Amino acid sequence: IDKKCLCEKGCSGADGKCYDAKNKKVAGGFYLSNGKYDKYKMYFQSVSAFGQLKTTKMWSSMNNEQDKFDLYEVAGGAGSKKTYFLSSAKWPSYVVGFKATTGTALSPFGAYAVDLKDKASVLDTWGPSNIMLSVCSLGPRSSYPGAVQIGAEMSEGTGTVWAYIHSGSYLVYGSVSSPGGGGIWIPEPALPKSIELPLCE
């Protein structure tokens, strides 16, 4: 996560500017269970033709830590809004990114594993806003304690694309409209309150 940007010193923010700071790890080793399909957790696939994130209801002890995530606050951020890298705890150079499914699915966008090792290629192909994510809290009044939504403000001008799952598929897609319960994710253990995530709109 650190030193995987195109700045001579420090790291790039989602606004494309360089900041004299490192990305800060704010939470680690947590699972992401779905709100609507509460037996399913998000995970990074080890072998996949397209690298799309998937969900599983297998016991965590059987998932070889592929369902564990770390959260990094991106240096600088976009204006006053903080952005984050959601990375694999097992494969730290891999982060969650959003892009068009290009006709491979009914949903127009999907959530994919992006390897930051080849940083120049990643930013040329994806753009920083596709991998530097928005994370918001559903707040204390939600029936899903500690729940969040995870999305990306796409550079194509389509607005924020939110990670969700729907019936008939185990894959994680991206919705440009409110994804409902399928777009609610519950970190286990809960994210530290010190992160102070904004409330979801």
N, C-alpha and C. Protein backbone atom coordinates (compact mmCIF):
# COMPACT_ATOMS: atom_id res chain seq x y z
N ILE A 1 0.83 -1.19 0.00
CA ILE A 1 0.00 0.00 0.00
C ILE A 1 0.87 1.25 0.00
N ASP A 2 1.87 1.30 0.90
CA ASP A 2 2.80 2.42 0.91
C ASP A 2 3.79 2.28 -0.24
N LYS A 3 4.23 3.40 -0.77
CA LYS A 3 5.22 3.48 -1.84
C LYS A 3 4.68 2.88 -3.15
N LYS A 4 3.37 2.75 -3.27
CA LYS A 4 2.79 2.25 -4.52
C LYS A 4 1.96 3.38 -5.14
N CYS A 5 2.60 4.47 -5.44
CA CYS A 5 1.97 5.61 -6.07
C CYS A 5 2.99 6.22 -7.03
N LEU A 6 2.64 7.27 -7.72
CA LEU A 6 3.51 7.83 -8.74
C LEU A 6 4.13 9.15 -8.31
N CYS A 7 4.32 9.34 -7.03
CA CYS A 7 4.92 10.56 -6.51
C CYS A 7 6.36 10.30 -6.10
N GLU A 8 7.23 11.30 -6.31
CA GLU A 8 8.63 11.14 -5.91
C GLU A 8 8.75 11.03 -4.41
N LYS A 9 7.86 11.73 -3.69
CA LYS A 9 7.89 11.70 -2.23
C LYS A 9 6.46 11.61 -1.72
N GLY A 10 6.23 10.75 -0.74
CA GLY A 10 4.88 10.61 -0.22
C GLY A 10 4.00 9.77 -1.13
N CYS A 11 2.69 10.05 -1.11
CA CYS A 11 1.74 9.26 -1.90
C CYS A 11 0.70 10.14 -2.55
N SER A 12 0.07 9.57 -3.56
CA SER A 12 -0.97 10.28 -4.30
C SER A 12 -2.32 10.12 -3.60
N GLY A 13 -3.11 11.20 -3.60
CA GLY A 13 -4.46 11.15 -3.08
C GLY A 13 -5.43 10.88 -4.21
N ALA A 14 -6.71 10.70 -3.87
CA ALA A 14 -7.73 10.44 -4.88
C ALA A 14 -7.94 11.64 -5.80
N ASP A 15 -7.48 12.81 -5.37
CA ASP A 15 -7.59 14.01 -6.21
C ASP A 15 -6.45 14.11 -7.21
N GLY A 16 -5.54 13.12 -7.22
CA GLY A 16 -4.44 13.11 -8.17
C GLY A 16 -3.23 13.91 -7.74
N LYS A 17 -3.29 14.56 -6.59
CA LYS A 17 -2.17 15.36 -6.08
C LYS A 17 -1.28 14.51 -5.19
N CYS A 18 -0.01 14.91 -5.11
CA CYS A 18 0.93 14.21 -4.24
C CYS A 18 0.94 14.84 -2.85
N TYR A 19 1.02 13.99 -1.84
CA TYR A 19 1.05 14.46 -0.45
C TYR A 19 2.26 13.86 0.25
N ASP A 20 2.87 14.67 1.09
CA ASP A 20 4.04 14.23 1.84
C ASP A 20 3.58 13.46 3.07
N ALA A 21 2.96 12.33 2.84
CA ALA A 21 2.41 11.50 3.91
C ALA A 21 2.23 10.08 3.41
N LYS A 22 2.13 9.15 4.34
CA LYS A 22 1.90 7.75 4.00
C LYS A 22 0.42 7.41 4.19
N ASN A 23 -0.01 6.36 3.51
CA ASN A 23 -1.34 5.85 3.74
C ASN A 23 -1.38 5.20 5.12
N LYS A 24 -2.43 5.47 5.88
CA LYS A 24 -2.51 5.06 7.28
C LYS A 24 -3.44 3.87 7.47
N LYS A 25 -2.93 2.81 8.05
CA LYS A 25 -3.77 1.65 8.34
C LYS A 25 -4.65 1.97 9.55
N VAL A 26 -5.98 1.92 9.36
CA VAL A 26 -6.90 2.29 10.42
C VAL A 26 -7.68 1.10 10.97
N ALA A 27 -7.67 -0.01 10.25
CA ALA A 27 -8.33 -1.23 10.74
C ALA A 27 -7.73 -2.42 10.01
N GLY A 28 -7.70 -3.57 10.67
CA GLY A 28 -7.08 -4.74 10.05
C GLY A 28 -7.69 -6.05 10.50
N GLY A 29 -7.63 -7.03 9.60
CA GLY A 29 -8.04 -8.38 9.93
C GLY A 29 -9.53 -8.56 10.19
N PHE A 30 -10.36 -7.79 9.48
CA PHE A 30 -11.80 -7.90 9.70
C PHE A 30 -12.48 -8.58 8.50
N TYR A 31 -13.64 -9.15 8.77
CA TYR A 31 -14.47 -9.76 7.73
C TYR A 31 -15.56 -8.77 7.31
N LEU A 32 -16.15 -9.00 6.15
CA LEU A 32 -17.24 -8.17 5.66
C LEU A 32 -18.43 -9.07 5.32
N SER A 33 -19.37 -9.16 6.25
CA SER A 33 -20.59 -9.94 6.03
C SER A 33 -21.65 -9.06 5.39
N ASN A 34 -22.48 -9.66 4.56
CA ASN A 34 -23.52 -8.90 3.88
C ASN A 34 -24.75 -8.73 4.76
N GLY A 35 -25.41 -7.57 4.63
CA GLY A 35 -26.58 -7.29 5.45
C GLY A 35 -27.79 -8.11 5.06
N LYS A 36 -28.08 -8.20 3.78
CA LYS A 36 -29.25 -8.93 3.31
C LYS A 36 -29.03 -10.43 3.32
N TYR A 37 -27.86 -10.84 2.85
CA TYR A 37 -27.51 -12.27 2.82
C TYR A 37 -26.46 -12.49 3.92
N ASP A 38 -26.95 -12.55 5.18
CA ASP A 38 -26.06 -12.43 6.32
C ASP A 38 -25.14 -13.61 6.55
N LYS A 39 -25.33 -14.70 5.84
CA LYS A 39 -24.44 -15.85 5.97
C LYS A 39 -23.25 -15.75 5.01
N TYR A 40 -23.25 -14.72 4.17
CA TYR A 40 -22.21 -14.59 3.14
C TYR A 40 -21.22 -13.48 3.47
N LYS A 41 -19.95 -13.78 3.23
CA LYS A 41 -18.85 -12.83 3.44
C LYS A 41 -18.13 -12.58 2.12
N MET A 42 -17.62 -11.37 1.97
CA MET A 42 -16.83 -11.02 0.80
C MET A 42 -15.43 -11.62 0.92
N TYR A 43 -14.85 -12.00 -0.23
CA TYR A 43 -13.48 -12.50 -0.19
C TYR A 43 -12.79 -12.30 -1.54
N PHE A 44 -11.45 -12.33 -1.49
CA PHE A 44 -10.61 -12.28 -2.69
C PHE A 44 -10.44 -13.69 -3.22
N GLN A 45 -10.71 -13.89 -4.50
CA GLN A 45 -10.50 -15.20 -5.10
C GLN A 45 -9.00 -15.41 -5.38
N SER A 46 -8.54 -16.64 -5.18
CA SER A 46 -7.13 -16.94 -5.48
C SER A 46 -6.94 -17.20 -6.97
N VAL A 47 -7.96 -17.77 -7.62
CA VAL A 47 -7.90 -18.05 -9.05
C VAL A 47 -9.21 -17.58 -9.67
N SER A 48 -9.13 -16.65 -10.61
CA SER A 48 -10.33 -16.15 -11.27
C SER A 48 -9.95 -15.56 -12.61
N ALA A 49 -10.76 -15.81 -13.61
CA ALA A 49 -10.46 -15.30 -14.95
C ALA A 49 -10.50 -13.78 -15.00
N PHE A 50 -11.40 -13.19 -14.22
CA PHE A 50 -11.54 -11.73 -14.27
C PHE A 50 -11.13 -11.04 -12.98
N GLY A 51 -10.87 -11.81 -11.90
CA GLY A 51 -10.43 -11.22 -10.65
C GLY A 51 -11.54 -10.56 -9.86
N GLN A 52 -12.80 -10.89 -10.16
CA GLN A 52 -13.91 -10.24 -9.47
C GLN A 52 -14.05 -10.79 -8.05
N LEU A 53 -14.36 -9.90 -7.10
CA LEU A 53 -14.57 -10.35 -5.73
C LEU A 53 -15.84 -11.18 -5.64
N LYS A 54 -15.86 -12.05 -4.65
CA LYS A 54 -16.94 -13.02 -4.54
C LYS A 54 -17.38 -13.11 -3.08
N THR A 55 -18.48 -13.81 -2.84
CA THR A 55 -18.93 -14.04 -1.47
C THR A 55 -19.01 -15.54 -1.21
N THR A 56 -18.93 -15.90 0.05
CA THR A 56 -18.98 -17.30 0.44
C THR A 56 -19.63 -17.42 1.81
N LYS A 57 -20.26 -18.57 2.07
CA LYS A 57 -20.79 -18.82 3.41
C LYS A 57 -19.99 -19.91 4.12
N MET A 58 -18.84 -20.24 3.58
CA MET A 58 -17.96 -21.21 4.24
C MET A 58 -17.43 -20.62 5.54
N TRP A 59 -17.13 -21.48 6.49
CA TRP A 59 -16.53 -21.04 7.75
C TRP A 59 -15.22 -20.31 7.45
N SER A 60 -14.96 -19.27 8.21
CA SER A 60 -13.74 -18.48 7.99
C SER A 60 -12.48 -19.32 8.11
N SER A 61 -12.51 -20.33 8.97
CA SER A 61 -11.35 -21.20 9.15
C SER A 61 -11.02 -21.99 7.89
N MET A 62 -11.98 -22.07 6.95
CA MET A 62 -11.77 -22.82 5.72
C MET A 62 -11.43 -21.91 4.53
N ASN A 63 -11.39 -20.60 4.77
CA ASN A 63 -11.18 -19.66 3.67
C ASN A 63 -9.73 -19.21 3.50
N ASN A 64 -8.84 -19.79 4.30
CA ASN A 64 -7.40 -19.52 4.14
C ASN A 64 -7.09 -18.02 4.20
N GLU A 65 -7.85 -17.29 5.04
CA GLU A 65 -7.67 -15.86 5.26
C GLU A 65 -7.93 -15.00 4.03
N GLN A 66 -8.55 -15.56 3.00
CA GLN A 66 -8.88 -14.78 1.81
C GLN A 66 -10.06 -13.85 2.06
N ASP A 67 -10.76 -14.04 3.18
CA ASP A 67 -11.91 -13.21 3.51
C ASP A 67 -11.59 -12.15 4.57
N LYS A 68 -10.30 -11.92 4.82
CA LYS A 68 -9.89 -10.90 5.78
C LYS A 68 -9.42 -9.65 5.04
N PHE A 69 -9.83 -8.48 5.57
CA PHE A 69 -9.53 -7.21 4.93
C PHE A 69 -8.79 -6.27 5.88
N ASP A 70 -8.02 -5.36 5.28
CA ASP A 70 -7.42 -4.24 5.99
C ASP A 70 -7.93 -2.95 5.36
N LEU A 71 -8.03 -1.90 6.16
CA LEU A 71 -8.50 -0.61 5.67
C LEU A 71 -7.43 0.45 5.89
N TYR A 72 -7.05 1.15 4.80
CA TYR A 72 -6.05 2.20 4.87
C TYR A 72 -6.68 3.53 4.48
N GLU A 73 -6.44 4.54 5.30
CA GLU A 73 -6.85 5.90 4.93
C GLU A 73 -5.82 6.46 3.95
N VAL A 74 -6.31 6.91 2.80
CA VAL A 74 -5.41 7.41 1.75
C VAL A 74 -4.87 8.78 2.13
N ALA A 75 -3.60 8.97 1.90
CA ALA A 75 -2.96 10.25 2.21
C ALA A 75 -3.66 11.39 1.46
N GLY A 76 -3.95 12.46 2.18
CA GLY A 76 -4.51 13.64 1.54
C GLY A 76 -6.00 13.57 1.34
N GLY A 77 -6.47 12.58 0.62
CA GLY A 77 -7.89 12.47 0.33
C GLY A 77 -8.31 13.43 -0.77
N ALA A 78 -9.57 13.42 -1.13
CA ALA A 78 -10.10 14.30 -2.16
C ALA A 78 -10.80 15.46 -1.48
N GLY A 79 -10.12 16.62 -1.38
CA GLY A 79 -10.67 17.76 -0.68
C GLY A 79 -10.78 17.44 0.80
N SER A 80 -11.94 17.66 1.39
CA SER A 80 -12.14 17.37 2.80
C SER A 80 -12.67 15.96 3.02
N LYS A 81 -12.95 15.26 1.95
CA LYS A 81 -13.51 13.92 2.05
C LYS A 81 -12.42 12.87 2.08
N LYS A 82 -12.45 11.99 3.06
CA LYS A 82 -11.45 10.95 3.17
C LYS A 82 -11.77 9.80 2.23
N THR A 83 -10.72 9.19 1.70
CA THR A 83 -10.87 8.00 0.87
C THR A 83 -9.98 6.90 1.42
N TYR A 84 -10.25 5.66 0.98
CA TYR A 84 -9.61 4.51 1.60
C TYR A 84 -9.20 3.47 0.56
N PHE A 85 -8.15 2.71 0.91
CA PHE A 85 -7.83 1.48 0.23
C PHE A 85 -8.43 0.35 1.07
N LEU A 86 -9.19 -0.52 0.44
CA LEU A 86 -9.68 -1.74 1.09
C LEU A 86 -8.85 -2.88 0.53
N SER A 87 -7.92 -3.37 1.32
CA SER A 87 -6.94 -4.33 0.81
C SER A 87 -7.15 -5.71 1.42
N SER A 88 -6.54 -6.69 0.76
CA SER A 88 -6.54 -8.05 1.27
C SER A 88 -5.53 -8.17 2.40
N ALA A 89 -5.95 -8.75 3.52
CA ALA A 89 -5.01 -8.98 4.61
C ALA A 89 -4.02 -10.08 4.24
N LYS A 90 -4.44 -10.99 3.37
CA LYS A 90 -3.57 -12.11 2.95
C LYS A 90 -2.58 -11.67 1.88
N TRP A 91 -3.06 -10.87 0.92
CA TRP A 91 -2.23 -10.37 -0.16
C TRP A 91 -2.24 -8.84 -0.12
N PRO A 92 -1.37 -8.23 0.68
CA PRO A 92 -1.45 -6.79 0.96
C PRO A 92 -1.37 -5.87 -0.25
N SER A 93 -0.79 -6.31 -1.35
CA SER A 93 -0.69 -5.43 -2.52
C SER A 93 -1.99 -5.41 -3.33
N TYR A 94 -2.94 -6.26 -2.96
CA TYR A 94 -4.22 -6.29 -3.67
C TYR A 94 -5.27 -5.46 -2.96
N VAL A 95 -5.94 -4.59 -3.71
CA VAL A 95 -7.00 -3.76 -3.16
C VAL A 95 -8.28 -3.95 -3.98
N VAL A 96 -9.40 -3.51 -3.42
CA VAL A 96 -10.67 -3.57 -4.12
C VAL A 96 -10.79 -2.36 -5.06
N GLY A 97 -11.19 -2.62 -6.30
CA GLY A 97 -11.42 -1.55 -7.26
C GLY A 97 -12.70 -1.81 -8.03
N PHE A 98 -13.26 -0.77 -8.60
CA PHE A 98 -14.51 -0.90 -9.36
C PHE A 98 -14.28 -0.52 -10.82
N LYS A 99 -14.88 -1.28 -11.70
CA LYS A 99 -14.82 -0.95 -13.12
C LYS A 99 -16.02 -1.56 -13.82
N ALA A 100 -16.22 -1.17 -15.08
CA ALA A 100 -17.33 -1.71 -15.86
C ALA A 100 -17.12 -3.19 -16.12
N THR A 101 -18.20 -3.95 -16.13
CA THR A 101 -18.10 -5.38 -16.40
C THR A 101 -17.98 -5.67 -17.89
N THR A 102 -18.13 -4.65 -18.72
CA THR A 102 -17.95 -4.75 -20.18
C THR A 102 -18.69 -5.94 -20.80
N GLY A 103 -19.94 -6.07 -20.43
CA GLY A 103 -20.77 -7.09 -21.06
C GLY A 103 -20.63 -8.48 -20.50
N THR A 104 -19.83 -8.66 -19.43
CA THR A 104 -19.65 -9.99 -18.86
C THR A 104 -20.74 -10.32 -17.85
N ALA A 105 -21.62 -9.35 -17.53
CA ALA A 105 -22.68 -9.58 -16.55
C ALA A 105 -23.82 -8.61 -16.81
N LEU A 106 -24.98 -8.89 -16.20
CA LEU A 106 -26.11 -7.98 -16.33
C LEU A 106 -25.87 -6.67 -15.60
N SER A 107 -25.13 -6.72 -14.48
CA SER A 107 -24.81 -5.50 -13.74
C SER A 107 -23.70 -4.74 -14.48
N PRO A 108 -23.82 -3.42 -14.61
CA PRO A 108 -22.85 -2.66 -15.41
C PRO A 108 -21.48 -2.53 -14.78
N PHE A 109 -21.39 -2.65 -13.45
CA PHE A 109 -20.10 -2.51 -12.76
C PHE A 109 -19.86 -3.70 -11.84
N GLY A 110 -18.58 -3.95 -11.57
CA GLY A 110 -18.20 -5.02 -10.66
C GLY A 110 -17.07 -4.57 -9.74
N ALA A 111 -16.90 -5.30 -8.64
CA ALA A 111 -15.78 -5.06 -7.72
C ALA A 111 -14.70 -6.10 -8.00
N TYR A 112 -13.48 -5.62 -8.22
CA TYR A 112 -12.39 -6.50 -8.66
C TYR A 112 -11.16 -6.34 -7.77
N ALA A 113 -10.32 -7.38 -7.78
CA ALA A 113 -9.03 -7.32 -7.11
C ALA A 113 -8.04 -6.62 -8.02
N VAL A 114 -7.35 -5.61 -7.49
CA VAL A 114 -6.38 -4.83 -8.26
C VAL A 114 -5.02 -4.94 -7.59
N ASP A 115 -4.03 -5.38 -8.34
CA ASP A 115 -2.68 -5.54 -7.80
C ASP A 115 -1.91 -4.23 -7.97
N LEU A 116 -1.51 -3.64 -6.85
CA LEU A 116 -0.80 -2.36 -6.88
C LEU A 116 0.70 -2.50 -7.11
N LYS A 117 1.18 -3.73 -7.28
CA LYS A 117 2.62 -3.90 -7.49
C LYS A 117 3.09 -3.15 -8.73
N ASP A 118 2.32 -3.25 -9.80
CA ASP A 118 2.65 -2.53 -11.02
C ASP A 118 1.89 -1.21 -11.00
N LYS A 119 2.36 -0.27 -10.18
CA LYS A 119 1.59 0.93 -9.87
C LYS A 119 1.29 1.78 -11.09
N ALA A 120 2.24 1.93 -12.01
CA ALA A 120 2.00 2.77 -13.19
C ALA A 120 0.91 2.19 -14.05
N SER A 121 0.95 0.88 -14.27
CA SER A 121 -0.06 0.22 -15.08
C SER A 121 -1.42 0.30 -14.43
N VAL A 122 -1.47 0.16 -13.11
CA VAL A 122 -2.74 0.20 -12.39
C VAL A 122 -3.42 1.55 -12.58
N LEU A 123 -2.67 2.64 -12.39
CA LEU A 123 -3.28 3.96 -12.49
C LEU A 123 -3.64 4.31 -13.92
N ASP A 124 -2.87 3.82 -14.89
CA ASP A 124 -3.22 4.06 -16.29
C ASP A 124 -4.51 3.35 -16.66
N THR A 125 -4.68 2.14 -16.14
CA THR A 125 -5.85 1.33 -16.49
C THR A 125 -7.08 1.72 -15.69
N TRP A 126 -6.89 1.98 -14.41
CA TRP A 126 -8.02 2.17 -13.52
C TRP A 126 -8.32 3.65 -13.22
N GLY A 127 -7.27 4.42 -12.93
CA GLY A 127 -7.49 5.77 -12.42
C GLY A 127 -7.61 5.70 -10.91
N PRO A 128 -7.10 6.71 -10.19
CA PRO A 128 -7.08 6.65 -8.72
C PRO A 128 -8.45 6.56 -8.08
N SER A 129 -9.47 7.21 -8.67
CA SER A 129 -10.79 7.22 -8.03
C SER A 129 -11.45 5.85 -8.05
N ASN A 130 -11.03 4.96 -8.93
CA ASN A 130 -11.63 3.63 -9.01
C ASN A 130 -11.16 2.72 -7.88
N ILE A 131 -10.01 3.02 -7.29
CA ILE A 131 -9.45 2.15 -6.25
C ILE A 131 -9.34 2.84 -4.89
N MET A 132 -9.46 4.18 -4.87
CA MET A 132 -9.47 4.92 -3.61
C MET A 132 -10.93 5.14 -3.24
N LEU A 133 -11.42 4.39 -2.27
CA LEU A 133 -12.85 4.19 -2.09
C LEU A 133 -13.48 5.11 -1.05
N SER A 134 -14.78 5.27 -1.20
CA SER A 134 -15.60 5.94 -0.20
C SER A 134 -16.18 4.88 0.73
N VAL A 135 -16.08 5.10 2.03
CA VAL A 135 -16.67 4.20 3.02
C VAL A 135 -17.52 5.05 3.94
N CYS A 136 -18.80 4.72 4.05
CA CYS A 136 -19.69 5.49 4.91
C CYS A 136 -20.40 4.58 5.89
N SER A 137 -20.83 5.16 7.00
CA SER A 137 -21.49 4.42 8.07
C SER A 137 -23.01 4.58 7.99
N LEU A 138 -23.74 3.51 8.29
CA LEU A 138 -25.19 3.60 8.33
C LEU A 138 -25.68 4.28 9.60
N GLY A 139 -24.80 4.45 10.56
CA GLY A 139 -25.13 5.20 11.77
C GLY A 139 -25.79 4.38 12.86
N PRO A 140 -25.93 4.99 14.05
CA PRO A 140 -26.44 4.26 15.22
C PRO A 140 -27.91 3.88 15.12
N ARG A 141 -28.68 4.51 14.26
CA ARG A 141 -30.10 4.20 14.14
C ARG A 141 -30.37 3.03 13.19
N SER A 142 -29.34 2.57 12.54
CA SER A 142 -29.50 1.46 11.60
C SER A 142 -29.79 0.16 12.33
N SER A 143 -30.56 -0.71 11.69
CA SER A 143 -30.82 -2.04 12.26
C SER A 143 -29.63 -2.97 12.06
N TYR A 144 -28.59 -2.47 11.40
CA TYR A 144 -27.35 -3.23 11.18
C TYR A 144 -26.22 -2.52 11.93
N PRO A 145 -25.99 -2.85 13.20
CA PRO A 145 -24.96 -2.16 13.99
C PRO A 145 -23.58 -2.23 13.36
N GLY A 146 -22.96 -1.07 13.25
CA GLY A 146 -21.60 -1.01 12.72
C GLY A 146 -21.49 -1.16 11.23
N ALA A 147 -22.62 -1.22 10.51
CA ALA A 147 -22.61 -1.49 9.08
C ALA A 147 -22.10 -0.31 8.26
N VAL A 148 -21.55 -0.62 7.09
CA VAL A 148 -21.00 0.39 6.19
C VAL A 148 -21.46 0.11 4.76
N GLN A 149 -21.28 1.10 3.92
CA GLN A 149 -21.38 0.93 2.48
C GLN A 149 -20.02 1.27 1.90
N ILE A 150 -19.67 0.60 0.81
CA ILE A 150 -18.34 0.73 0.20
C ILE A 150 -18.51 1.05 -1.27
N GLY A 151 -17.91 2.12 -1.73
CA GLY A 151 -18.09 2.49 -3.13
C GLY A 151 -16.94 3.29 -3.69
N ALA A 152 -17.05 3.62 -4.97
CA ALA A 152 -16.04 4.40 -5.67
C ALA A 152 -16.73 5.47 -6.51
N GLU A 153 -16.18 6.68 -6.47
CA GLU A 153 -16.69 7.75 -7.32
C GLU A 153 -16.00 7.62 -8.67
N MET A 154 -16.69 7.04 -9.61
CA MET A 154 -16.10 6.68 -10.89
C MET A 154 -15.71 7.92 -11.69
N SER A 155 -14.55 7.83 -12.34
CA SER A 155 -14.04 8.94 -13.14
C SER A 155 -14.87 9.18 -14.39
N GLU A 156 -15.71 8.22 -14.78
CA GLU A 156 -16.54 8.37 -15.97
C GLU A 156 -17.69 9.33 -15.76
N GLY A 157 -17.85 9.85 -14.53
CA GLY A 157 -18.93 10.77 -14.26
C GLY A 157 -20.26 10.09 -14.00
N THR A 158 -20.23 8.80 -13.66
CA THR A 158 -21.46 8.06 -13.40
C THR A 158 -21.91 8.17 -11.95
N GLY A 159 -21.16 8.90 -11.12
CA GLY A 159 -21.49 8.99 -9.70
C GLY A 159 -20.83 7.87 -8.92
N THR A 160 -21.27 7.69 -7.69
CA THR A 160 -20.68 6.66 -6.83
C THR A 160 -21.28 5.30 -7.15
N VAL A 161 -20.41 4.31 -7.29
CA VAL A 161 -20.82 2.92 -7.52
C VAL A 161 -20.61 2.16 -6.22
N TRP A 162 -21.69 1.54 -5.71
CA TRP A 162 -21.65 0.88 -4.41
C TRP A 162 -21.57 -0.64 -4.55
N ALA A 163 -20.72 -1.25 -3.74
CA ALA A 163 -20.55 -2.70 -3.75
C ALA A 163 -21.81 -3.38 -3.22
N TYR A 164 -22.29 -4.39 -3.94
CA TYR A 164 -23.47 -5.13 -3.49
C TYR A 164 -23.49 -6.53 -4.10
N ILE A 165 -24.34 -7.38 -3.55
CA ILE A 165 -24.59 -8.69 -4.15
C ILE A 165 -26.10 -8.84 -4.35
N HIS A 166 -26.45 -9.68 -5.31
CA HIS A 166 -27.86 -9.91 -5.58
C HIS A 166 -28.12 -11.40 -5.70
N SER A 167 -29.39 -11.78 -5.69
CA SER A 167 -29.75 -13.19 -5.76
C SER A 167 -29.30 -13.79 -7.09
N GLY A 168 -28.94 -15.04 -7.05
CA GLY A 168 -28.54 -15.73 -8.26
C GLY A 168 -27.06 -15.65 -8.60
N SER A 169 -26.27 -14.96 -7.76
CA SER A 169 -24.84 -14.83 -8.03
C SER A 169 -24.09 -14.67 -6.72
N TYR A 170 -22.87 -15.22 -6.68
CA TYR A 170 -22.00 -15.03 -5.52
C TYR A 170 -21.04 -13.87 -5.71
N LEU A 171 -21.02 -13.27 -6.90
CA LEU A 171 -20.06 -12.22 -7.22
C LEU A 171 -20.49 -10.87 -6.66
N VAL A 172 -19.50 -10.01 -6.42
CA VAL A 172 -19.76 -8.66 -5.91
C VAL A 172 -19.81 -7.70 -7.09
N TYR A 173 -20.91 -6.98 -7.20
CA TYR A 173 -21.11 -6.03 -8.30
C TYR A 173 -21.15 -4.60 -7.77
N GLY A 174 -21.33 -3.66 -8.68
CA GLY A 174 -21.41 -2.26 -8.31
C GLY A 174 -22.70 -1.66 -8.80
N SER A 175 -23.40 -0.94 -7.93
CA SER A 175 -24.68 -0.34 -8.27
C SER A 175 -24.57 1.18 -8.25
N VAL A 176 -25.13 1.84 -9.27
CA VAL A 176 -25.12 3.31 -9.32
C VAL A 176 -26.32 3.89 -8.58
N SER A 177 -27.27 3.05 -8.20
CA SER A 177 -28.41 3.49 -7.40
C SER A 177 -28.30 2.86 -6.01
N SER A 178 -29.23 3.18 -5.14
CA SER A 178 -29.20 2.59 -3.80
C SER A 178 -29.27 1.08 -3.88
N PRO A 179 -28.28 0.37 -3.36
CA PRO A 179 -28.25 -1.10 -3.52
C PRO A 179 -29.10 -1.86 -2.52
N GLY A 180 -29.72 -1.16 -1.57
CA GLY A 180 -30.54 -1.85 -0.58
C GLY A 180 -29.70 -2.70 0.36
N GLY A 181 -30.35 -3.73 0.93
CA GLY A 181 -29.65 -4.57 1.91
C GLY A 181 -28.48 -5.32 1.33
N GLY A 182 -28.51 -5.60 0.01
CA GLY A 182 -27.39 -6.29 -0.62
C GLY A 182 -26.13 -5.46 -0.69
N GLY A 183 -26.26 -4.14 -0.44
CA GLY A 183 -25.11 -3.24 -0.45
C GLY A 183 -24.66 -2.83 0.94
N ILE A 184 -25.19 -3.50 1.95
CA ILE A 184 -24.79 -3.24 3.34
C ILE A 184 -23.77 -4.29 3.75
N TRP A 185 -22.66 -3.81 4.32
CA TRP A 185 -21.57 -4.71 4.74
C TRP A 185 -21.27 -4.48 6.21
N ILE A 186 -21.15 -5.57 6.95
CA ILE A 186 -20.96 -5.48 8.40
C ILE A 186 -19.56 -5.99 8.75
N PRO A 187 -18.65 -5.08 9.14
CA PRO A 187 -17.30 -5.50 9.52
C PRO A 187 -17.33 -6.29 10.83
N GLU A 188 -16.56 -7.37 10.88
CA GLU A 188 -16.43 -8.19 12.07
C GLU A 188 -14.95 -8.50 12.31
N PRO A 189 -14.36 -7.98 13.38
CA PRO A 189 -14.95 -7.10 14.39
C PRO A 189 -15.28 -5.72 13.83
N ALA A 190 -16.05 -4.97 14.60
CA ALA A 190 -16.48 -3.64 14.16
C ALA A 190 -15.28 -2.73 13.94
N LEU A 191 -15.41 -1.80 13.01
CA LEU A 191 -14.34 -0.83 12.77
C LEU A 191 -14.19 0.09 13.98
N PRO A 192 -12.98 0.51 14.28
CA PRO A 192 -12.77 1.42 15.42
C PRO A 192 -13.56 2.72 15.25
N LYS A 193 -14.15 3.21 16.32
CA LYS A 193 -14.91 4.46 16.26
C LYS A 193 -14.02 5.65 15.93
N SER A 194 -12.73 5.50 16.16
CA SER A 194 -11.80 6.59 15.89
C SER A 194 -11.70 6.95 14.40
N ILE A 195 -12.20 6.05 13.52
CA ILE A 195 -12.14 6.33 12.08
C ILE A 195 -13.09 7.46 11.70
N GLU A 196 -14.22 7.60 12.44
CA GLU A 196 -15.19 8.67 12.22
C GLU A 196 -15.66 8.73 10.75
N LEU A 197 -16.27 7.65 10.32
CA LEU A 197 -16.78 7.59 8.94
C LEU A 197 -17.99 8.52 8.79
N PRO A 198 -18.15 9.10 7.61
CA PRO A 198 -19.34 9.94 7.37
C PRO A 198 -20.59 9.07 7.29
N LEU A 199 -21.76 9.66 7.57
CA LEU A 199 -23.01 8.93 7.45
C LEU A 199 -23.37 8.76 5.98
N CYS A 200 -23.90 7.59 5.66
CA CYS A 200 -24.36 7.34 4.29
C CYS A 200 -25.57 8.22 4.00
N GLU A 201 -25.66 8.73 2.79
CA GLU A 201 -26.78 9.59 2.42
C GLU A 201 -28.00 8.77 2.04
